């Protein structure tokens, strides 16, 4: 089924741009999810080791997560722009 969709996309002239944009958007989402997951896990481990520093750790975790999410959003927008431009 996936192969049929890919062959149809290539035969209609959409080509490698849409395929690359789809793969790129998927990789961006995967990378952002893994990065935010690692930040959350490391922050919980750090808070468990030093509960008195929990507020500072949580603030740093939220800022880092927001930055990663911003980069991921930028990557997805770039992939969408690539898929719309032929």
Protein backbone atom coordinates (compact mmCIF):
# COMPACT_ATOMS: atom_id res chain seq x y z
CA UNK A 1 0.00 0.00 0.00
CA UNK A 2 2.80 2.41 0.88
CA UNK A 3 4.68 1.49 -2.26
CA UNK A 4 1.59 2.22 -4.35
CA UNK A 5 1.25 5.67 -2.77
CA UNK A 6 4.92 6.44 -3.40
CA UNK A 7 4.69 5.32 -7.02
CA UNK A 8 1.58 7.44 -7.52
CA UNK A 9 3.32 10.51 -6.03
CA UNK A 10 6.31 10.07 -8.34
CA UNK A 11 4.18 9.50 -11.42
CA UNK A 12 2.15 12.68 -10.81
CA UNK A 13 5.29 14.82 -10.77
CA UNK A 14 5.36 15.46 -7.02
CA UNK A 15 8.69 13.72 -6.93
CA UNK A 16 11.32 13.58 -4.33
CA UNK A 17 10.46 16.93 -2.74
CA UNK A 18 7.31 15.64 -1.06
CA UNK A 19 8.99 12.40 -0.04
CA UNK A 20 11.93 14.31 1.44
CA UNK A 21 9.65 16.77 3.19
CA UNK A 22 7.63 13.95 4.75
CA UNK A 23 10.71 12.12 5.94
CA UNK A 24 12.21 15.38 7.21
CA UNK A 25 9.09 16.29 9.17
CA UNK A 26 9.03 12.83 10.70
CA UNK A 27 12.68 13.04 11.72
CA UNK A 28 12.15 16.50 13.22
CA UNK A 29 9.22 15.27 15.31
CA UNK A 30 11.15 12.16 16.38
CA UNK A 31 14.20 14.18 17.37
CA UNK A 32 12.16 16.70 19.33
CA UNK A 33 10.30 13.97 21.17
CA UNK A 34 13.49 12.16 22.09
CA UNK A 35 15.19 15.39 23.16
CA UNK A 36 12.34 16.55 25.38
CA UNK A 37 12.02 13.05 26.84
CA UNK A 38 15.69 13.00 27.77
CA UNK A 39 15.45 16.46 29.30
CA UNK A 40 12.45 15.42 31.40
CA UNK A 41 14.10 12.20 32.54
CA UNK A 42 17.34 13.91 33.45
CA UNK A 43 15.50 16.66 35.30
CA UNK A 44 13.52 14.15 37.35
CA UNK A 45 16.72 12.32 38.22
CA UNK A 46 18.40 15.58 39.24
CA UNK A 47 15.44 16.62 41.37
CA UNK A 48 15.47 13.22 43.07
CA UNK A 49 19.15 13.68 43.91
CA UNK A 50 18.83 17.29 45.10
CA UNK A 51 15.25 18.14 46.04
CA UNK A 52 16.23 21.61 47.29
CA UNK A 53 17.30 22.61 43.76
CA UNK A 54 14.02 21.48 42.22
CA UNK A 55 12.79 24.97 41.30
CA UNK A 56 15.95 25.92 39.41
CA UNK A 57 16.09 22.56 37.65
CA UNK A 58 12.44 22.78 36.62
CA UNK A 59 12.93 26.31 35.25
CA UNK A 60 15.94 25.23 33.21
CA UNK A 61 14.02 22.17 31.97
CA UNK A 62 11.07 24.26 30.79
CA UNK A 63 13.31 26.75 28.98
CA UNK A 64 15.28 23.99 27.24
CA UNK A 65 12.07 22.19 26.26
CA UNK A 66 10.63 25.38 24.80
CA UNK A 67 13.78 25.96 22.75
CA UNK A 68 13.70 22.42 21.40
CA UNK A 69 10.02 22.76 20.57
CA UNK A 70 10.71 26.02 18.73
CA UNK A 71 13.42 24.41 16.61
CA UNK A 72 11.12 21.47 15.88
CA UNK A 73 8.32 23.80 14.80
CA UNK A 74 10.74 25.64 12.52
CA UNK A 75 11.85 22.34 10.99
CA UNK A 76 8.30 21.19 10.33
CA UNK A 77 7.42 24.54 8.73
CA UNK A 78 10.45 24.29 6.45
CA UNK A 79 9.41 20.75 5.46
CA UNK A 80 5.87 21.93 4.73
CA UNK A 81 7.18 24.78 2.58
CA UNK A 82 9.34 22.34 0.64
CA UNK A 83 6.35 20.10 0.03
CA UNK A 84 4.22 22.98 -1.31
CA UNK A 85 6.88 24.38 -3.65
CA UNK A 86 7.31 22.29 -6.78
